[in-house]
C-alpha atoms as a PDB file:
ATOM      1  CA  MET A   1     100.612  95.864 108.036  1.00  0.00           C
ATOM      2  CA  ARG A   2      98.329  96.225 105.041  1.00  0.00           C
ATOM      3  CA  ALA A   3      97.375  99.761 106.085  1.00  0.00           C
ATOM      4  CA  ASN A   4     100.905 101.080 107.000  1.00  0.00           C
ATOM      5  CA  GLY A   5     103.113  98.893 104.796  1.00  0.00           C
ATOM      6  CA  LYS A   6     103.927 101.606 102.349  1.00  0.00           C
ATOM      7  CA  ALA A   7     105.708 103.381 105.157  1.00  0.00           C
ATOM      8  CA  ILE A   8     107.702 100.301 106.241  1.00  0.00           C
ATOM      9  CA  TYR A   9     108.579  98.203 103.165  1.00  0.00           C
ATOM     10  CA  ASN A  10     110.895  99.498 100.338  1.00  0.00           C
ATOM     11  CA  THR A  11     111.912 102.385 102.364  1.00  0.00           C
ATOM     12  CA  VAL A  12     115.130 103.829 103.751  1.00  0.00           C
ATOM     13  CA  THR A  13     115.999 105.463 107.109  1.00  0.00           C
ATOM     14  CA  THR A  14     116.131 109.200 107.427  1.00  0.00           C
ATOM     15  CA  PRO A  15     119.021 111.187 109.222  1.00  0.00           C
ATOM     16  CA  ASN A  16     116.518 112.137 111.874  1.00  0.00           C
ATOM     17  CA  TYR A  17     114.811 108.661 112.204  1.00  0.00           C
ATOM     18  CA  HIS A  18     113.242 108.827 115.804  1.00  0.00           C
ATOM     19  CA  ASP A  19     111.667 111.306 118.208  1.00  0.00           C
ATOM     20  CA  GLY A  20     109.823 109.924 121.113  1.00  0.00           C
ATOM     21  CA  ASN A  21     107.209 107.387 119.817  1.00  0.00           C
ATOM     22  CA  VAL A  22     107.514 108.674 116.264  1.00  0.00           C
ATOM     23  CA  TRP A  23     109.760 106.822 113.730  1.00  0.00           C
ATOM     24  CA  PHE A  24     110.645 108.076 110.349  1.00  0.00           C
ATOM     25  CA  THR A  25     111.182 106.361 106.965  1.00  0.00           C
ATOM     26  CA  ALA A  26     111.333 107.727 103.360  1.00  0.00           C
ATOM     27  CA  ASN A  27     110.778 106.061 100.059  1.00  0.00           C
ATOM     28  CA  LYS A  28     113.789 105.088  98.125  1.00  0.00           C
ATOM     29  CA  ASP A  29     113.754 108.289  95.907  1.00  0.00           C
ATOM     30  CA  GLY A  30     113.390 110.495  99.006  1.00  0.00           C
ATOM     31  CA  ARG A  31     110.358 112.234  97.649  1.00  0.00           C
ATOM     32  CA  THR A  32     107.938 110.921 100.432  1.00  0.00           C
ATOM     33  CA  LEU A  33     108.663 111.057 104.085  1.00  0.00           C
ATOM     34  CA  TYR A  34     106.550 108.822 106.501  1.00  0.00           C
ATOM     35  CA  ALA A  35     106.141 109.210 110.295  1.00  0.00           C
ATOM     36  CA  ILE A  36     105.157 106.070 112.104  1.00  0.00           C
ATOM     37  CA  TYR A  37     103.598 106.647 115.556  1.00  0.00           C
ATOM     38  CA  THR A  38     103.718 103.479 117.879  1.00  0.00           C
ATOM     39  CA  LEU A  39     101.649 103.082 120.947  1.00  0.00           C
ATOM     40  CA  ALA A  40     103.209 101.381 124.008  1.00  0.00           C
ATOM     41  CA  ASP A  41     101.309  98.460 125.643  1.00  0.00           C
ATOM     42  CA  GLY A  42      98.230  99.625 127.419  1.00  0.00           C
ATOM     43  CA  GLU A  43      98.532 103.213 126.033  1.00  0.00           C
ATOM     44  CA  THR A  44      95.502 105.026 124.662  1.00  0.00           C
ATOM     45  CA  LEU A  45      95.808 107.003 121.599  1.00  0.00           C
ATOM     46  CA  PRO A  46      96.469 110.547 122.268  1.00  0.00           C
ATOM     47  CA  SER A  47      94.549 113.622 120.930  1.00  0.00           C
ATOM     48  CA  GLN A  48      97.748 115.020 119.508  1.00  0.00           C
ATOM     49  CA  ILE A  49     101.073 113.768 118.349  1.00  0.00           C
ATOM     50  CA  HIS A  50     104.255 115.767 118.668  1.00  0.00           C
ATOM     51  CA  TRP A  51     107.755 115.597 117.317  1.00  0.00           C
ATOM     52  CA  LYS A  52     110.826 117.732 116.424  1.00  0.00           C
ATOM     53  CA  GLY A  53     112.595 117.685 113.060  1.00  0.00           C
ATOM     54  CA  ASN A  54     111.288 116.266 109.764  1.00  0.00           C
ATOM     55  CA  LEU A  55     108.984 119.213 109.257  1.00  0.00           C
ATOM     56  CA  PRO A  56     106.161 118.540 106.653  1.00  0.00           C
ATOM     57  CA  LYS A  57     106.571 120.405 103.392  1.00  0.00           C
ATOM     58  CA  GLY A  58     102.840 120.140 102.663  1.00  0.00           C
ATOM     59  CA  LYS A  59      99.642 118.432 104.008  1.00  0.00           C
ATOM     60  CA  VAL A  60      99.980 115.581 106.565  1.00  0.00           C
ATOM     61  CA  VAL A  61      97.669 112.600 105.603  1.00  0.00           C
ATOM     62  CA  LEU A  62      96.874 109.431 107.485  1.00  0.00           C
ATOM     63  CA  LEU A  63      98.324 106.559 105.236  1.00  0.00           C
ATOM     64  CA  SER A  64      95.673 103.970 105.983  1.00  0.00           C
ATOM     65  CA  ASN A  65      92.722 106.182 104.641  1.00  0.00           C
ATOM     66  CA  GLY A  66      94.103 109.202 102.907  1.00  0.00           C
ATOM     67  CA  LYS A  67      92.414 111.748 105.309  1.00  0.00           C
ATOM     68  CA  THR A  68      94.198 115.031 105.660  1.00  0.00           C
ATOM     69  CA  LEU A  69      94.948 115.765 109.464  1.00  0.00           C
ATOM     70  CA  LYS A  70      95.243 119.151 111.128  1.00  0.00           C
ATOM     71  CA  THR A  71      98.801 120.073 111.615  1.00  0.00           C
ATOM     72  CA  LYS A  72     100.752 122.960 113.161  1.00  0.00           C
ATOM     73  CA  VAL A  73     104.408 123.701 113.014  1.00  0.00           C
ATOM     74  CA  LYS A  74     105.904 126.049 115.622  1.00  0.00           C
ATOM     75  CA  ASN A  75     109.558 126.469 116.633  1.00  0.00           C
ATOM     76  CA  GLY A  76     110.729 123.376 114.930  1.00  0.00           C
ATOM     77  CA  GLU A  77     107.938 121.152 116.616  1.00  0.00           C
ATOM     78  CA  VAL A  78     105.171 119.405 114.676  1.00  0.00           C
ATOM     79  CA  THR A  79     101.791 118.952 116.306  1.00  0.00           C
ATOM     80  CA  VAL A  80      99.302 116.604 114.592  1.00  0.00           C
ATOM     81  CA  THR A  81      95.723 116.668 115.907  1.00  0.00           C
ATOM     82  CA  LEU A  82      94.010 113.413 115.625  1.00  0.00           C
ATOM     83  CA  PRO A  83      90.177 113.193 115.165  1.00  0.00           C
ATOM     84  CA  THR A  84      88.297 111.620 118.047  1.00  0.00           C
ATOM     85  CA  SER A  85      86.927 108.918 115.651  1.00  0.00           C
ATOM     86  CA  MET A  86      90.582 107.654 115.468  1.00  0.00           C
ATOM     87  CA  LYS A  87      90.425 106.293 119.097  1.00  0.00           C
ATOM     88  CA  SER A  88      89.835 102.890 117.855  1.00  0.00           C
ATOM     89  CA  GLU A  89      92.834 102.814 115.363  1.00  0.00           C
ATOM     90  CA  SER A  90      95.487 100.276 115.488  1.00  0.00           C
ATOM     91  CA  PHE A  91      98.702 100.374 117.736  1.00  0.00           C
ATOM     92  CA  ALA A  92     100.694 102.013 114.920  1.00  0.00           C
ATOM     93  CA  MET A  93      99.623 104.770 112.594  1.00  0.00           C
ATOM     94  CA  ALA A  94     101.653 106.090 109.661  1.00  0.00           C
ATOM     95  CA  PHE A  95     101.359 109.554 108.165  1.00  0.00           C
ATOM     96  CA  VAL A  96     102.750 110.856 104.805  1.00  0.00           C
ATOM     97  CA  LEU A  97     104.615 114.047 105.628  1.00  0.00           C
ATOM     98  CA  GLN A  98     105.906 115.559 102.566  1.00  0.00           C
ATOM     99  CA  LYS A  99     106.328 115.192  98.901  1.00  0.00           C
ATOM    100  CA  LYS A 100     109.229 116.976  97.425  1.00  0.00           C
ATOM    101  CA  SER A 101     109.005 118.231  93.714  1.00  0.00           C
ATOM    102  CA  VAL A 102     111.471 116.753  91.245  1.00  0.00           C
END
């Protein structure tokens, strides 16, 4: 929880809050959107994560370490490519998707 807590605690749901294994939250002022990817029991981490809606407005970073991830948006679908070094990551990962200007 320490690594991804920012995407869970003191957040609110979003109108499009779920797509597949990806769940979305936002901070209370709505300026930051989070995507949380959950692995099913026994599932291995995929090389890419996909979802529709909640398109990022800027770079996508891994919340646990701040690393920018390769992201592609095409026809309303987001594809995030995960580095091979992440195969040992925990069962849930959180990404910062956007920061809106005030």
